[in-house]
């Protein structure tokens, strides 16, 4: 799917620097940034879920340790 990405001057410079640092095109830098952000979001959500499960599962032990 084709898409137009409009960036202000500051973001355009940041994208150019990112692409240059990684040795890729600006298009590839955008694709990688999207993939990285999505992976972080999924990972953060999973960690949050596991943390809630652990707190619920070990609530009584955590209460005893807190005393």
PDB file of N, CA and C in Angstrom:
ATOM      1  N   UNK A   1       0.840  -1.164   0.000  1.00  0.00           N
ATOM      2  CA  UNK A   1       0.000   0.000   0.000  1.00  0.00           C
ATOM      3  C   UNK A   1       0.892   1.236   0.000  1.00  0.00           C
ATOM      4  N   UNK A   2       0.592   2.173  -0.853  1.00  0.00           N
ATOM      5  CA  UNK A   2       1.353   3.421  -0.910  1.00  0.00           C
ATOM      6  C   UNK A   2       0.867   4.372   0.167  1.00  0.00           C
ATOM      7  N   UNK A   3       1.800   5.153   0.689  1.00  0.00           N
ATOM      8  CA  UNK A   3       1.447   6.094   1.748  1.00  0.00           C
ATOM      9  C   UNK A   3       2.381   7.291   1.655  1.00  0.00           C
ATOM     10  N   UNK A   4       1.842   8.451   1.897  1.00  0.00           N
ATOM     11  CA  UNK A   4       2.650   9.660   1.934  1.00  0.00           C
ATOM     12  C   UNK A   4       2.888  10.022   3.391  1.00  0.00           C
ATOM     13  N   UNK A   5       4.132  10.301   3.729  1.00  0.00           N
ATOM     14  CA  UNK A   5       4.494  10.671   5.086  1.00  0.00           C
ATOM     15  C   UNK A   5       4.945  12.124   5.068  1.00  0.00           C
ATOM     16  N   UNK A   6       4.221  12.952   5.781  1.00  0.00           N
ATOM     17  CA  UNK A   6       4.571  14.376   5.840  1.00  0.00           C
ATOM     18  C   UNK A   6       5.256  14.652   7.174  1.00  0.00           C
ATOM     19  N   UNK A   7       6.459  15.184   7.107  1.00  0.00           N
ATOM     20  CA  UNK A   7       7.240  15.480   8.302  1.00  0.00           C
ATOM     21  C   UNK A   7       7.614  16.947   8.317  1.00  0.00           C
ATOM     22  N   UNK A   8       7.692  17.520   9.517  1.00  0.00           N
ATOM     23  CA  UNK A   8       8.214  18.879   9.601  1.00  0.00           C
ATOM     24  C   UNK A   8       9.733  18.812   9.446  1.00  0.00           C
ATOM     25  N   UNK A   9      10.368  19.949   9.358  1.00  0.00           N
ATOM     26  CA  UNK A   9      11.823  19.987   9.100  1.00  0.00           C
ATOM     27  C   UNK A   9      12.619  19.240  10.165  1.00  0.00           C
ATOM     28  N   UNK A  10      12.229  19.390  11.416  1.00  0.00           N
ATOM     29  CA  UNK A  10      12.952  18.746  12.507  1.00  0.00           C
ATOM     30  C   UNK A  10      12.871  17.218  12.402  1.00  0.00           C
ATOM     31  N   UNK A  11      11.673  16.702  12.134  1.00  0.00           N
ATOM     32  CA  UNK A  11      11.527  15.252  11.998  1.00  0.00           C
ATOM     33  C   UNK A  11      12.208  14.734  10.736  1.00  0.00           C
ATOM     34  N   UNK A  12      12.203  15.524   9.691  1.00  0.00           N
ATOM     35  CA  UNK A  12      12.901  15.140   8.458  1.00  0.00           C
ATOM     36  C   UNK A  12      14.398  14.993   8.720  1.00  0.00           C
ATOM     37  N   UNK A  13      14.973  15.942   9.467  1.00  0.00           N
ATOM     38  CA  UNK A  13      16.402  15.857   9.820  1.00  0.00           C
ATOM     39  C   UNK A  13      16.666  14.639  10.704  1.00  0.00           C
ATOM     40  N   UNK A  14      15.776  14.397  11.663  1.00  0.00           N
ATOM     41  CA  UNK A  14      15.939  13.236  12.547  1.00  0.00           C
ATOM     42  C   UNK A  14      15.880  11.943  11.748  1.00  0.00           C
ATOM     43  N   UNK A  15      14.957  11.856  10.807  1.00  0.00           N
ATOM     44  CA  UNK A  15      14.853  10.670   9.966  1.00  0.00           C
ATOM     45  C   UNK A  15      16.103  10.496   9.115  1.00  0.00           C
ATOM     46  N   UNK A  16      16.587  11.569   8.552  1.00  0.00           N
ATOM     47  CA  UNK A  16      17.799  11.499   7.732  1.00  0.00           C
ATOM     48  C   UNK A  16      18.987  11.024   8.570  1.00  0.00           C
ATOM     49  N   UNK A  17      19.114  11.528   9.786  1.00  0.00           N
ATOM     50  CA  UNK A  17      20.202  11.109  10.674  1.00  0.00           C
ATOM     51  C   UNK A  17      20.066   9.631  11.043  1.00  0.00           C
ATOM     52  N   UNK A  18      18.859   9.211  11.325  1.00  0.00           N
ATOM     53  CA  UNK A  18      18.615   7.808  11.672  1.00  0.00           C
ATOM     54  C   UNK A  18      18.965   6.892  10.507  1.00  0.00           C
ATOM     55  N   UNK A  19      18.511   7.266   9.327  1.00  0.00           N
ATOM     56  CA  UNK A  19      18.797   6.461   8.140  1.00  0.00           C
ATOM     57  C   UNK A  19      20.306   6.401   7.877  1.00  0.00           C
ATOM     58  N   UNK A  20      20.960   7.534   7.993  1.00  0.00           N
ATOM     59  CA  UNK A  20      22.405   7.570   7.755  1.00  0.00           C
ATOM     60  C   UNK A  20      23.153   6.734   8.796  1.00  0.00           C
ATOM     61  N   UNK A  21      22.752   6.846  10.050  1.00  0.00           N
ATOM     62  CA  UNK A  21      23.417   6.091  11.113  1.00  0.00           C
ATOM     63  C   UNK A  21      23.277   4.584  10.905  1.00  0.00           C
ATOM     64  N   UNK A  22      22.128   4.160  10.383  1.00  0.00           N
ATOM     65  CA  UNK A  22      21.905   2.731  10.151  1.00  0.00           C
ATOM     66  C   UNK A  22      22.344   2.284   8.770  1.00  0.00           C
ATOM     67  N   UNK A  23      22.726   3.228   7.926  1.00  0.00           N
ATOM     68  CA  UNK A  23      23.172   2.892   6.580  1.00  0.00           C
ATOM     69  C   UNK A  23      22.053   2.365   5.698  1.00  0.00           C
ATOM     70  N   UNK A  24      20.855   2.918   5.881  1.00  0.00           N
ATOM     71  CA  UNK A  24      19.696   2.478   5.100  1.00  0.00           C
ATOM     72  C   UNK A  24      18.988   3.694   4.511  1.00  0.00           C
ATOM     73  N   UNK A  25      18.030   3.423   3.660  1.00  0.00           N
ATOM     74  CA  UNK A  25      17.228   4.512   3.094  1.00  0.00           C
ATOM     75  C   UNK A  25      16.277   5.066   4.154  1.00  0.00           C
ATOM     76  N   UNK A  26      15.745   6.237   3.898  1.00  0.00           N
ATOM     77  CA  UNK A  26      14.767   6.809   4.824  1.00  0.00           C
ATOM     78  C   UNK A  26      13.533   5.915   4.906  1.00  0.00           C
ATOM     79  N   UNK A  27      13.145   5.337   3.790  1.00  0.00           N
ATOM     80  CA  UNK A  27      12.007   4.417   3.792  1.00  0.00           C
ATOM     81  C   UNK A  27      12.267   3.254   4.746  1.00  0.00           C
ATOM     82  N   UNK A  28      13.434   2.643   4.620  1.00  0.00           N
ATOM     83  CA  UNK A  28      13.770   1.512   5.483  1.00  0.00           C
ATOM     84  C   UNK A  28      13.858   1.936   6.944  1.00  0.00           C
ATOM     85  N   UNK A  29      14.362   3.140   7.201  1.00  0.00           N
ATOM     86  CA  UNK A  29      14.442   3.637   8.577  1.00  0.00           C
ATOM     87  C   UNK A  29      13.045   3.779   9.175  1.00  0.00           C
ATOM     88  N   UNK A  30      12.095   4.260   8.386  1.00  0.00           N
ATOM     89  CA  UNK A  30      10.709   4.377   8.860  1.00  0.00           C
ATOM     90  C   UNK A  30      10.124   2.998   9.126  1.00  0.00           C
ATOM     91  N   UNK A  31      10.315   2.073   8.197  1.00  0.00           N
ATOM     92  CA  UNK A  31       9.797   0.712   8.365  1.00  0.00           C
ATOM     93  C   UNK A  31      10.366   0.079   9.637  1.00  0.00           C
ATOM     94  N   UNK A  32      11.662   0.223   9.845  1.00  0.00           N
ATOM     95  CA  UNK A  32      12.290  -0.345  11.045  1.00  0.00           C
ATOM     96  C   UNK A  32      11.768   0.314  12.317  1.00  0.00           C
ATOM     97  N   UNK A  33      11.590   1.628  12.276  1.00  0.00           N
ATOM     98  CA  UNK A  33      11.090   2.341  13.455  1.00  0.00           C
ATOM     99  C   UNK A  33       9.682   1.868  13.822  1.00  0.00           C
ATOM    100  N   UNK A  34       8.850   1.657  12.817  1.00  0.00           N
ATOM    101  CA  UNK A  34       7.493   1.164  13.073  1.00  0.00           C
ATOM    102  C   UNK A  34       7.552  -0.240  13.663  1.00  0.00           C
ATOM    103  N   UNK A  35       8.359  -1.109  13.079  1.00  0.00           N
ATOM    104  CA  UNK A  35       8.481  -2.483  13.575  1.00  0.00           C
ATOM    105  C   UNK A  35       9.026  -2.510  15.001  1.00  0.00           C
ATOM    106  N   UNK A  36      10.030  -1.684  15.279  1.00  0.00           N
ATOM    107  CA  UNK A  36      10.603  -1.619  16.622  1.00  0.00           C
ATOM    108  C   UNK A  36       9.578  -1.122  17.637  1.00  0.00           C
ATOM    109  N   UNK A  37       8.830  -0.085  17.285  1.00  0.00           N
ATOM    110  CA  UNK A  37       7.816   0.455  18.194  1.00  0.00           C
ATOM    111  C   UNK A  37       6.733  -0.578  18.466  1.00  0.00           C
ATOM    112  N   UNK A  38       6.305  -1.297  17.440  1.00  0.00           N
ATOM    113  CA  UNK A  38       5.280  -2.331  17.616  1.00  0.00           C
ATOM    114  C   UNK A  38       5.794  -3.449  18.516  1.00  0.00           C
ATOM    115  N   UNK A  39       7.040  -3.867  18.307  1.00  0.00           N
ATOM    116  CA  UNK A  39       7.620  -4.936  19.131  1.00  0.00           C
ATOM    117  C   UNK A  39       7.731  -4.503  20.585  1.00  0.00           C
ATOM    118  N   UNK A  40       8.138  -3.257  20.813  1.00  0.00           N
ATOM    119  CA  UNK A  40       8.226  -2.745  22.187  1.00  0.00           C
ATOM    120  C   UNK A  40       6.855  -2.724  22.836  1.00  0.00           C
ATOM    121  N   UNK A  41       5.839  -2.288  22.105  1.00  0.00           N
ATOM    122  CA  UNK A  41       4.487  -2.221  22.657  1.00  0.00           C
ATOM    123  C   UNK A  41       3.994  -3.603  23.049  1.00  0.00           C
ATOM    124  N   UNK A  42       4.199  -4.583  22.174  1.00  0.00           N
ATOM    125  CA  UNK A  42       3.778  -5.957  22.469  1.00  0.00           C
ATOM    126  C   UNK A  42       4.541  -6.479  23.684  1.00  0.00           C
ATOM    127  N   UNK A  43       5.845  -6.236  23.713  1.00  0.00           N
ATOM    128  CA  UNK A  43       6.680  -6.698  24.829  1.00  0.00           C
ATOM    129  C   UNK A  43       6.260  -6.016  26.130  1.00  0.00           C
ATOM    130  N   UNK A  44       6.039  -4.711  26.099  1.00  0.00           N
ATOM    131  CA  UNK A  44       5.614  -3.986  27.293  1.00  0.00           C
ATOM    132  C   UNK A  44       4.270  -4.496  27.798  1.00  0.00           C
ATOM    133  N   UNK A  45       3.339  -4.751  26.887  1.00  0.00           N
ATOM    134  CA  UNK A  45       2.028  -5.279  27.276  1.00  0.00           C
ATOM    135  C   UNK A  45       2.171  -6.652  27.911  1.00  0.00           C
ATOM    136  N   UNK A  46       3.036  -7.483  27.346  1.00  0.00           N
ATOM    137  CA  UNK A  46       3.239  -8.836  27.886  1.00  0.00           C
ATOM    138  C   UNK A  46       3.869  -8.767  29.272  1.00  0.00           C
ATOM    139  N   UNK A  47       4.855  -7.913  29.459  1.00  0.00           N
ATOM    140  CA  UNK A  47       5.494  -7.756  30.768  1.00  0.00           C
ATOM    141  C   UNK A  47       4.469  -7.260  31.785  1.00  0.00           C
ATOM    142  N   UNK A  48       3.637  -6.308  31.396  1.00  0.00           N
ATOM    143  CA  UNK A  48       2.612  -5.786  32.289  1.00  0.00           C
ATOM    144  C   UNK A  48       1.631  -6.899  32.700  1.00  0.00           C
ATOM    145  N   UNK A  49       1.217  -7.719  31.720  1.00  0.00           N
ATOM    146  CA  UNK A  49       0.309  -8.830  32.004  1.00  0.00           C
ATOM    147  C   UNK A  49       0.945  -9.850  32.937  1.00  0.00           C
ATOM    148  N   UNK A  50       2.202 -10.207  32.664  1.00  0.00           N
ATOM    149  CA  UNK A  50       2.899 -11.170  33.518  1.00  0.00           C
ATOM    150  C   UNK A  50       3.084 -10.633  34.930  1.00  0.00           C
ATOM    151  N   UNK A  51       3.367  -9.351  35.044  1.00  0.00           N
ATOM    152  CA  UNK A  51       3.533  -8.732  36.353  1.00  0.00           C
ATOM    153  C   UNK A  51       2.224  -8.782  37.139  1.00  0.00           C
ATOM    154  N   UNK A  52       1.121  -8.467  36.496  1.00  0.00           N
ATOM    155  CA  UNK A  52      -0.181  -8.517  37.169  1.00  0.00           C
ATOM    156  C   UNK A  52      -0.512  -9.940  37.601  1.00  0.00           C
ATOM    157  N   UNK A  53      -0.224 -10.911  36.737  1.00  0.00           N
ATOM    158  CA  UNK A  53      -0.463 -12.313  37.088  1.00  0.00           C
ATOM    159  C   UNK A  53       0.389 -12.729  38.290  1.00  0.00           C
ATOM    160  N   UNK A  54       1.642 -12.333  38.286  1.00  0.00           N
ATOM    161  CA  UNK A  54       2.540 -12.677  39.389  1.00  0.00           C
ATOM    162  C   UNK A  54       2.109 -12.037  40.698  1.00  0.00           C
ATOM    163  N   UNK A  55       1.708 -10.770  40.633  1.00  0.00           N
ATOM    164  CA  UNK A  55       1.242 -10.098  41.848  1.00  0.00           C
ATOM    165  C   UNK A  55      -0.012 -10.765  42.394  1.00  0.00           C
ATOM    166  N   UNK A  56      -0.920 -11.163  41.508  1.00  0.00           N
ATOM    167  CA  UNK A  56      -2.149 -11.837  41.953  1.00  0.00           C
ATOM    168  C   UNK A  56      -1.822 -13.219  42.518  1.00  0.00           C
ATOM    169  N   UNK A  57      -0.967 -13.943  41.845  1.00  0.00           N
ATOM    170  CA  UNK A  57      -0.635 -15.311  42.251  1.00  0.00           C
ATOM    171  C   UNK A  57       0.101 -15.351  43.585  1.00  0.00           C
ATOM    172  N   UNK A  58       0.992 -14.397  43.793  1.00  0.00           N
ATOM    173  CA  UNK A  58       1.831 -14.394  44.989  1.00  0.00           C
ATOM    174  C   UNK A  58       1.469 -13.276  45.962  1.00  0.00           C
ATOM    175  N   UNK A  59       0.237 -12.815  45.940  1.00  0.00           N
ATOM    176  CA  UNK A  59      -0.189 -11.691  46.780  1.00  0.00           C
ATOM    177  C   UNK A  59       0.048 -11.972  48.256  1.00  0.00           C
ATOM    178  N   UNK A  60      -0.325 -13.158  48.714  1.00  0.00           N
ATOM    179  CA  UNK A  60      -0.151 -13.441  50.156  1.00  0.00           C
ATOM    180  C   UNK A  60       1.331 -13.488  50.527  1.00  0.00           C
ATOM    181  N   UNK A  61       2.146 -14.058  49.684  1.00  0.00           N
ATOM    182  CA  UNK A  61       3.587 -14.095  49.959  1.00  0.00           C
ATOM    183  C   UNK A  61       4.167 -12.688  49.951  1.00  0.00           C
ATOM    184  N   UNK A  62       3.775 -11.875  49.015  1.00  0.00           N
ATOM    185  CA  UNK A  62       4.273 -10.505  48.950  1.00  0.00           C
ATOM    186  C   UNK A  62       3.838  -9.713  50.173  1.00  0.00           C
ATOM    187  N   UNK A  63       2.627  -9.959  50.655  1.00  0.00           N
ATOM    188  CA  UNK A  63       2.162  -9.286  51.874  1.00  0.00           C
ATOM    189  C   UNK A  63       3.012  -9.696  53.072  1.00  0.00           C
ATOM    190  N   UNK A  64       3.306 -10.995  53.183  1.00  0.00           N
ATOM    191  CA  UNK A  64       4.139 -11.475  54.297  1.00  0.00           C
ATOM    192  C   UNK A  64       5.540 -10.892  54.226  1.00  0.00           C
ATOM    193  N   UNK A  65       6.099 -10.821  53.034  1.00  0.00           N
ATOM    194  CA  UNK A  65       7.442 -10.259  52.884  1.00  0.00           C
ATOM    195  C   UNK A  65       7.472  -8.772  53.208  1.00  0.00           C
ATOM    196  N   UNK A  66       6.395  -8.087  52.989  1.00  0.00           N
ATOM    197  CA  UNK A  66       6.331  -6.655  53.244  1.00  0.00           C
ATOM    198  C   UNK A  66       6.299  -6.345  54.751  1.00  0.00           C
ATOM    199  N   UNK A  67       5.946  -7.340  55.562  1.00  0.00           N
ATOM    200  CA  UNK A  67       5.833  -7.106  57.021  1.00  0.00           C
ATOM    201  C   UNK A  67       7.161  -7.172  57.714  1.00  0.00           C
TER     202      UNK A  67
END
